[in-house]
Amino acid sequence: MQRLGMKQVARPGWSIAVSIAIVSAILLASTALQAQHVNGSGKLVQASAATDAAPQVIIDNYAFSPVTLTVKVGTTVTWINHDDDAHTVDSTEGKFKSGTLNTGDKYEFRFTQAGEYPFYCRFHPKMTGKIVVQP
């Protein structure tokens, strides 16, 4: 009977070790993907057919991230406010203008023409960013 008890104790320990390894690998991959999104400003971003995820600009700590996002014509960009304060997304050229975005709110805009689209926060004018739309 003691051997069965030891096997039962050993199996959960092995399962826990495997589970920890799997979770660690997932967290590491998630961190790497997040770093690529945040640090990849200026790179061409497309919505993935597999995930249908629109390119995003995150508002946090009184900043837009990425500051510059490059997309193709026809792409819808989503801004998401993760900050504790309200913000806006306003084109400096009057091409688009969000309402007030409170924490968790989103704003989307579809870019139908190539060009550069600088934007800022109406409440915090030093918060700026740019969408570059390529054909």
N, C-alpha and C. Protein backbone atom coordinates (compact mmCIF):
# COMPACT_ATOMS: atom_id res chain seq x y z
N MET A 1 0.80 -1.19 0.00
CA MET A 1 0.00 0.00 0.00
C MET A 1 0.84 1.25 0.00
N GLN A 2 1.97 1.21 0.63
CA GLN A 2 2.81 2.41 0.69
C GLN A 2 3.31 2.80 -0.70
N ARG A 3 3.57 1.84 -1.54
CA ARG A 3 4.05 2.15 -2.89
C ARG A 3 2.97 2.88 -3.69
N LEU A 4 1.74 2.47 -3.55
CA LEU A 4 0.66 3.18 -4.24
C LEU A 4 0.59 4.62 -3.76
N GLY A 5 0.73 4.81 -2.48
CA GLY A 5 0.70 6.16 -1.92
C GLY A 5 1.82 7.02 -2.50
N MET A 6 2.99 6.43 -2.68
CA MET A 6 4.12 7.19 -3.21
C MET A 6 3.89 7.52 -4.68
N LYS A 7 3.31 6.57 -5.43
CA LYS A 7 3.01 6.85 -6.83
C LYS A 7 1.98 7.96 -6.94
N GLN A 8 1.00 7.93 -6.08
CA GLN A 8 -0.02 8.97 -6.12
C GLN A 8 0.57 10.33 -5.78
N VAL A 9 1.51 10.38 -4.89
CA VAL A 9 2.16 11.63 -4.53
C VAL A 9 3.08 12.08 -5.67
N ALA A 10 3.76 11.14 -6.30
CA ALA A 10 4.71 11.47 -7.36
C ALA A 10 3.99 11.99 -8.61
N ARG A 11 2.87 11.43 -8.97
CA ARG A 11 2.15 11.85 -10.17
C ARG A 11 1.68 13.31 -10.07
N PRO A 12 1.02 13.71 -8.98
CA PRO A 12 0.63 15.11 -8.91
C PRO A 12 1.82 16.05 -8.97
N GLY A 13 2.95 15.67 -8.37
CA GLY A 13 4.16 16.49 -8.44
C GLY A 13 4.63 16.64 -9.87
N TRP A 14 4.61 15.56 -10.63
CA TRP A 14 5.02 15.59 -12.03
C TRP A 14 4.04 16.44 -12.83
N SER A 15 2.75 16.29 -12.58
CA SER A 15 1.73 17.07 -13.29
C SER A 15 1.89 18.55 -13.00
N ILE A 16 2.19 18.87 -11.76
CA ILE A 16 2.38 20.28 -11.39
C ILE A 16 3.59 20.85 -12.12
N ALA A 17 4.68 20.09 -12.19
CA ALA A 17 5.88 20.56 -12.88
C ALA A 17 5.60 20.79 -14.36
N VAL A 18 4.87 19.88 -14.99
CA VAL A 18 4.53 20.03 -16.40
C VAL A 18 3.60 21.23 -16.59
N SER A 19 2.64 21.39 -15.70
CA SER A 19 1.73 22.52 -15.78
C SER A 19 2.47 23.85 -15.64
N ILE A 20 3.40 23.92 -14.72
CA ILE A 20 4.19 25.13 -14.52
C ILE A 20 5.01 25.43 -15.78
N ALA A 21 5.58 24.41 -16.39
CA ALA A 21 6.37 24.61 -17.60
C ALA A 21 5.49 25.13 -18.74
N ILE A 22 4.30 24.59 -18.88
CA ILE A 22 3.39 25.02 -19.94
C ILE A 22 2.96 26.47 -19.71
N VAL A 23 2.56 26.80 -18.49
CA VAL A 23 2.13 28.17 -18.17
C VAL A 23 3.29 29.14 -18.39
N SER A 24 4.49 28.76 -18.00
CA SER A 24 5.66 29.63 -18.20
C SER A 24 5.90 29.89 -19.68
N ALA A 25 5.77 28.85 -20.50
CA ALA A 25 5.97 29.02 -21.95
C ALA A 25 4.92 29.95 -22.54
N ILE A 26 3.68 29.82 -22.09
CA ILE A 26 2.60 30.68 -22.58
C ILE A 26 2.85 32.12 -22.17
N LEU A 27 3.23 32.34 -20.92
CA LEU A 27 3.51 33.70 -20.46
C LEU A 27 4.68 34.32 -21.21
N LEU A 28 5.71 33.54 -21.46
CA LEU A 28 6.87 34.04 -22.19
C LEU A 28 6.48 34.42 -23.61
N ALA A 29 5.70 33.59 -24.27
CA ALA A 29 5.25 33.89 -25.63
C ALA A 29 4.36 35.12 -25.64
N SER A 30 3.48 35.24 -24.67
CA SER A 30 2.59 36.39 -24.57
C SER A 30 3.38 37.68 -24.37
N THR A 31 4.38 37.65 -23.51
CA THR A 31 5.22 38.82 -23.27
C THR A 31 5.97 39.21 -24.52
N ALA A 32 6.48 38.25 -25.26
CA ALA A 32 7.21 38.54 -26.49
C ALA A 32 6.29 39.17 -27.53
N LEU A 33 5.09 38.65 -27.68
CA LEU A 33 4.14 39.22 -28.63
C LEU A 33 3.75 40.63 -28.23
N GLN A 34 3.53 40.86 -26.95
CA GLN A 34 3.17 42.17 -26.48
C GLN A 34 4.31 43.15 -26.73
N ALA A 35 5.54 42.74 -26.50
CA ALA A 35 6.69 43.61 -26.73
C ALA A 35 6.81 43.95 -28.21
N GLN A 36 6.53 43.00 -29.09
CA GLN A 36 6.59 43.28 -30.51
C GLN A 36 5.55 44.32 -30.89
N HIS A 37 4.36 44.24 -30.33
CA HIS A 37 3.31 45.20 -30.64
C HIS A 37 3.70 46.58 -30.14
N VAL A 38 4.19 46.68 -28.92
CA VAL A 38 4.54 47.97 -28.33
C VAL A 38 5.77 48.55 -29.00
N ASN A 39 6.78 47.74 -29.27
CA ASN A 39 8.03 48.23 -29.80
C ASN A 39 8.08 48.23 -31.33
N GLY A 40 7.04 47.74 -31.99
CA GLY A 40 7.08 47.62 -33.44
C GLY A 40 6.52 48.82 -34.17
N SER A 41 6.62 50.01 -33.62
CA SER A 41 6.07 51.18 -34.30
C SER A 41 6.74 51.35 -35.65
N GLY A 42 5.92 51.70 -36.63
CA GLY A 42 6.43 51.89 -37.97
C GLY A 42 6.38 50.64 -38.82
N LYS A 43 6.09 49.50 -38.23
CA LYS A 43 6.00 48.27 -39.00
C LYS A 43 4.60 48.11 -39.56
N LEU A 44 4.50 47.45 -40.70
CA LEU A 44 3.21 47.23 -41.34
C LEU A 44 2.41 46.23 -40.53
N VAL A 45 1.18 46.61 -40.17
CA VAL A 45 0.31 45.77 -39.37
C VAL A 45 -0.95 45.48 -40.16
N GLN A 46 -1.37 44.24 -40.20
CA GLN A 46 -2.59 43.85 -40.87
C GLN A 46 -3.45 43.04 -39.92
N ALA A 47 -4.75 43.09 -40.13
CA ALA A 47 -5.62 42.22 -39.35
C ALA A 47 -5.38 40.79 -39.79
N SER A 48 -5.29 39.90 -38.84
CA SER A 48 -5.06 38.50 -39.15
C SER A 48 -6.38 37.82 -39.49
N ALA A 49 -6.38 37.04 -40.54
CA ALA A 49 -7.59 36.33 -40.94
C ALA A 49 -7.99 35.32 -39.88
N ALA A 50 -7.00 34.76 -39.18
CA ALA A 50 -7.30 33.74 -38.18
C ALA A 50 -7.93 34.33 -36.94
N THR A 51 -7.54 35.55 -36.55
CA THR A 51 -8.04 36.12 -35.31
C THR A 51 -8.99 37.29 -35.54
N ASP A 52 -9.01 37.84 -36.76
CA ASP A 52 -9.82 39.01 -37.07
C ASP A 52 -9.56 40.16 -36.10
N ALA A 53 -8.36 40.25 -35.58
CA ALA A 53 -8.01 41.31 -34.64
C ALA A 53 -7.59 42.55 -35.41
N ALA A 54 -8.22 43.66 -35.10
CA ALA A 54 -7.87 44.92 -35.72
C ALA A 54 -6.62 45.48 -35.06
N PRO A 55 -5.80 46.21 -35.81
CA PRO A 55 -4.65 46.86 -35.19
C PRO A 55 -5.15 47.80 -34.09
N GLN A 56 -4.40 47.87 -33.00
CA GLN A 56 -4.84 48.66 -31.85
C GLN A 56 -3.78 49.67 -31.44
N VAL A 57 -4.28 50.79 -30.93
CA VAL A 57 -3.44 51.77 -30.27
C VAL A 57 -3.95 51.81 -28.83
N ILE A 58 -3.08 51.54 -27.89
CA ILE A 58 -3.45 51.51 -26.48
C ILE A 58 -3.16 52.88 -25.87
N ILE A 59 -4.11 53.38 -25.11
CA ILE A 59 -3.94 54.63 -24.37
C ILE A 59 -3.69 54.25 -22.92
N ASP A 60 -2.49 54.60 -22.44
CA ASP A 60 -2.14 54.26 -21.06
C ASP A 60 -1.02 55.18 -20.60
N ASN A 61 -1.08 55.56 -19.34
CA ASN A 61 -0.05 56.41 -18.74
C ASN A 61 0.16 57.69 -19.55
N TYR A 62 -0.94 58.28 -20.01
CA TYR A 62 -0.94 59.52 -20.78
C TYR A 62 -0.09 59.43 -22.04
N ALA A 63 -0.20 58.30 -22.73
CA ALA A 63 0.54 58.10 -23.98
C ALA A 63 -0.22 57.15 -24.89
N PHE A 64 0.01 57.29 -26.21
CA PHE A 64 -0.50 56.37 -27.21
C PHE A 64 0.60 55.36 -27.50
N SER A 65 0.25 54.09 -27.60
CA SER A 65 1.24 53.06 -27.89
C SER A 65 0.66 52.05 -28.88
N PRO A 66 1.29 51.86 -30.03
CA PRO A 66 2.49 52.53 -30.46
C PRO A 66 2.20 53.98 -30.85
N VAL A 67 3.24 54.80 -30.84
CA VAL A 67 3.09 56.21 -31.21
C VAL A 67 2.80 56.31 -32.70
N THR A 68 3.47 55.51 -33.50
CA THR A 68 3.23 55.46 -34.95
C THR A 68 2.84 54.04 -35.32
N LEU A 69 1.73 53.93 -36.04
CA LEU A 69 1.24 52.63 -36.49
C LEU A 69 1.06 52.69 -37.99
N THR A 70 1.61 51.72 -38.72
CA THR A 70 1.50 51.67 -40.18
C THR A 70 0.56 50.54 -40.56
N VAL A 71 -0.43 50.87 -41.39
CA VAL A 71 -1.44 49.90 -41.81
C VAL A 71 -1.68 50.04 -43.32
N LYS A 72 -2.46 49.14 -43.88
CA LYS A 72 -2.84 49.21 -45.29
C LYS A 72 -4.18 49.93 -45.42
N VAL A 73 -4.43 50.46 -46.61
CA VAL A 73 -5.71 51.10 -46.91
C VAL A 73 -6.83 50.09 -46.64
N GLY A 74 -7.90 50.56 -46.04
CA GLY A 74 -9.04 49.71 -45.73
C GLY A 74 -9.01 49.12 -44.34
N THR A 75 -7.95 49.37 -43.59
CA THR A 75 -7.80 48.82 -42.25
C THR A 75 -8.55 49.67 -41.24
N THR A 76 -9.21 49.01 -40.30
CA THR A 76 -9.85 49.69 -39.18
C THR A 76 -8.90 49.61 -37.99
N VAL A 77 -8.60 50.77 -37.43
CA VAL A 77 -7.74 50.85 -36.25
C VAL A 77 -8.63 51.09 -35.03
N THR A 78 -8.32 50.41 -33.94
CA THR A 78 -9.06 50.57 -32.69
C THR A 78 -8.16 51.18 -31.64
N TRP A 79 -8.62 52.26 -31.02
CA TRP A 79 -7.95 52.87 -29.87
C TRP A 79 -8.68 52.40 -28.63
N ILE A 80 -7.94 51.97 -27.60
CA ILE A 80 -8.54 51.48 -26.36
C ILE A 80 -7.93 52.24 -25.19
N ASN A 81 -8.77 52.83 -24.35
CA ASN A 81 -8.28 53.58 -23.20
C ASN A 81 -8.09 52.66 -22.00
N HIS A 82 -6.83 52.43 -21.64
CA HIS A 82 -6.49 51.65 -20.45
C HIS A 82 -6.06 52.55 -19.30
N ASP A 83 -6.16 53.85 -19.52
CA ASP A 83 -5.73 54.82 -18.51
C ASP A 83 -6.86 55.06 -17.51
N ASP A 84 -6.52 55.63 -16.36
CA ASP A 84 -7.52 55.93 -15.34
C ASP A 84 -8.30 57.21 -15.67
N ASP A 85 -7.73 58.07 -16.52
CA ASP A 85 -8.39 59.32 -16.90
C ASP A 85 -9.01 59.21 -18.29
N ALA A 86 -9.93 60.11 -18.57
CA ALA A 86 -10.59 60.17 -19.88
C ALA A 86 -9.63 60.78 -20.90
N HIS A 87 -9.76 60.32 -22.15
CA HIS A 87 -8.95 60.82 -23.26
C HIS A 87 -9.81 60.90 -24.50
N THR A 88 -9.26 61.50 -25.56
CA THR A 88 -9.92 61.52 -26.87
C THR A 88 -8.89 61.15 -27.92
N VAL A 89 -9.39 60.88 -29.12
CA VAL A 89 -8.54 60.64 -30.29
C VAL A 89 -9.05 61.58 -31.37
N ASP A 90 -8.29 62.64 -31.63
CA ASP A 90 -8.70 63.67 -32.60
C ASP A 90 -7.64 63.83 -33.68
N SER A 91 -8.06 63.74 -34.92
CA SER A 91 -7.17 64.00 -36.04
C SER A 91 -6.78 65.47 -36.04
N THR A 92 -5.51 65.76 -36.25
CA THR A 92 -5.08 67.16 -36.32
C THR A 92 -5.60 67.82 -37.60
N GLU A 93 -6.04 67.01 -38.56
CA GLU A 93 -6.55 67.52 -39.84
C GLU A 93 -8.07 67.42 -39.93
N GLY A 94 -8.74 67.06 -38.82
CA GLY A 94 -10.20 66.97 -38.82
C GLY A 94 -10.77 65.76 -39.54
N LYS A 95 -9.97 64.73 -39.78
CA LYS A 95 -10.44 63.52 -40.50
C LYS A 95 -11.28 62.61 -39.60
N PHE A 96 -11.00 62.60 -38.30
CA PHE A 96 -11.77 61.79 -37.35
C PHE A 96 -11.70 62.45 -35.99
N LYS A 97 -12.69 62.12 -35.15
CA LYS A 97 -12.77 62.73 -33.81
C LYS A 97 -13.62 61.83 -32.93
N SER A 98 -13.00 61.29 -31.89
CA SER A 98 -13.76 60.44 -30.97
C SER A 98 -14.50 61.31 -29.97
N GLY A 99 -15.42 60.70 -29.29
CA GLY A 99 -16.00 61.32 -28.11
C GLY A 99 -15.04 61.09 -26.95
N THR A 100 -15.49 61.38 -25.76
CA THR A 100 -14.69 61.13 -24.56
C THR A 100 -14.58 59.62 -24.35
N LEU A 101 -13.35 59.15 -24.20
CA LEU A 101 -13.10 57.72 -23.94
C LEU A 101 -12.73 57.55 -22.48
N ASN A 102 -13.63 56.98 -21.72
CA ASN A 102 -13.34 56.66 -20.32
C ASN A 102 -12.59 55.33 -20.26
N THR A 103 -12.15 54.94 -19.09
CA THR A 103 -11.41 53.70 -18.92
C THR A 103 -12.18 52.53 -19.53
N GLY A 104 -11.51 51.79 -20.42
CA GLY A 104 -12.12 50.63 -21.07
C GLY A 104 -12.87 50.94 -22.35
N ASP A 105 -13.10 52.22 -22.64
CA ASP A 105 -13.82 52.59 -23.87
C ASP A 105 -12.92 52.42 -25.09
N LYS A 106 -13.58 52.21 -26.25
CA LYS A 106 -12.87 52.02 -27.52
C LYS A 106 -13.39 53.00 -28.55
N TYR A 107 -12.52 53.32 -29.51
CA TYR A 107 -12.90 54.13 -30.66
C TYR A 107 -12.28 53.47 -31.89
N GLU A 108 -13.06 53.35 -32.96
CA GLU A 108 -12.58 52.73 -34.19
C GLU A 108 -12.72 53.70 -35.35
N PHE A 109 -11.77 53.61 -36.28
CA PHE A 109 -11.84 54.40 -37.50
C PHE A 109 -11.24 53.58 -38.63
N ARG A 110 -11.93 53.57 -39.78
CA ARG A 110 -11.46 52.83 -40.95
C ARG A 110 -10.77 53.81 -41.89
N PHE A 111 -9.53 53.48 -42.25
CA PHE A 111 -8.73 54.34 -43.11
C PHE A 111 -8.89 53.88 -44.56
N THR A 112 -9.49 54.74 -45.38
CA THR A 112 -9.81 54.38 -46.76
C THR A 112 -8.87 55.01 -47.79
N GLN A 113 -7.98 55.90 -47.34
CA GLN A 113 -7.04 56.54 -48.26
C GLN A 113 -5.64 56.49 -47.68
N ALA A 114 -4.66 56.33 -48.58
CA ALA A 114 -3.26 56.33 -48.15
C ALA A 114 -2.88 57.73 -47.66
N GLY A 115 -1.94 57.77 -46.74
CA GLY A 115 -1.46 59.05 -46.23
C GLY A 115 -1.04 58.93 -44.78
N GLU A 116 -0.69 60.07 -44.20
CA GLU A 116 -0.32 60.13 -42.79
C GLU A 116 -1.42 60.86 -42.04
N TYR A 117 -1.81 60.31 -40.90
CA TYR A 117 -2.91 60.83 -40.10
C TYR A 117 -2.45 61.09 -38.67
N PRO A 118 -1.89 62.27 -38.40
CA PRO A 118 -1.50 62.59 -37.03
C PRO A 118 -2.74 62.81 -36.16
N PHE A 119 -2.62 62.46 -34.88
CA PHE A 119 -3.74 62.63 -33.95
C PHE A 119 -3.22 63.03 -32.58
N TYR A 120 -4.14 63.47 -31.72
CA TYR A 120 -3.77 63.91 -30.37
C TYR A 120 -4.97 63.73 -29.45
N CYS A 121 -4.75 63.94 -28.16
CA CYS A 121 -5.83 63.92 -27.17
C CYS A 121 -6.24 65.37 -26.91
N ARG A 122 -7.50 65.66 -27.07
CA ARG A 122 -8.05 67.00 -26.88
C ARG A 122 -7.83 67.48 -25.44
N PHE A 123 -7.89 66.56 -24.47
CA PHE A 123 -7.72 66.92 -23.06
C PHE A 123 -6.26 67.07 -22.67
N HIS A 124 -5.39 66.38 -23.38
CA HIS A 124 -3.96 66.37 -23.07
C HIS A 124 -3.20 66.53 -24.39
N PRO A 125 -3.10 67.75 -24.93
CA PRO A 125 -2.56 67.99 -26.27
C PRO A 125 -1.13 67.50 -26.50
N LYS A 126 -0.38 67.24 -25.44
CA LYS A 126 0.99 66.72 -25.62
C LYS A 126 0.97 65.23 -25.95
N MET A 127 -0.18 64.58 -25.79
CA MET A 127 -0.33 63.17 -26.18
C MET A 127 -0.59 63.15 -27.69
N THR A 128 0.38 62.65 -28.44
CA THR A 128 0.23 62.62 -29.89
C THR A 128 0.60 61.25 -30.46
N GLY A 129 0.14 61.01 -31.66
CA GLY A 129 0.47 59.79 -32.36
C GLY A 129 0.22 59.97 -33.84
N LYS A 130 0.47 58.90 -34.62
CA LYS A 130 0.27 59.01 -36.06
C LYS A 130 -0.05 57.63 -36.63
N ILE A 131 -1.00 57.62 -37.56
CA ILE A 131 -1.30 56.43 -38.33
C ILE A 131 -0.77 56.69 -39.74
N VAL A 132 0.05 55.76 -40.24
CA VAL A 132 0.56 55.85 -41.60
C VAL A 132 -0.18 54.78 -42.41
N VAL A 133 -0.89 55.22 -43.45
CA VAL A 133 -1.69 54.30 -44.26
C VAL A 133 -1.02 54.13 -45.61
N GLN A 134 -0.67 52.89 -45.93
CA GLN A 134 -0.01 52.57 -47.19
C GLN A 134 -0.98 51.87 -48.13
N PRO A 135 -0.76 52.06 -49.45
CA PRO A 135 -1.65 51.40 -50.43
C PRO A 135 -1.55 49.89 -50.37
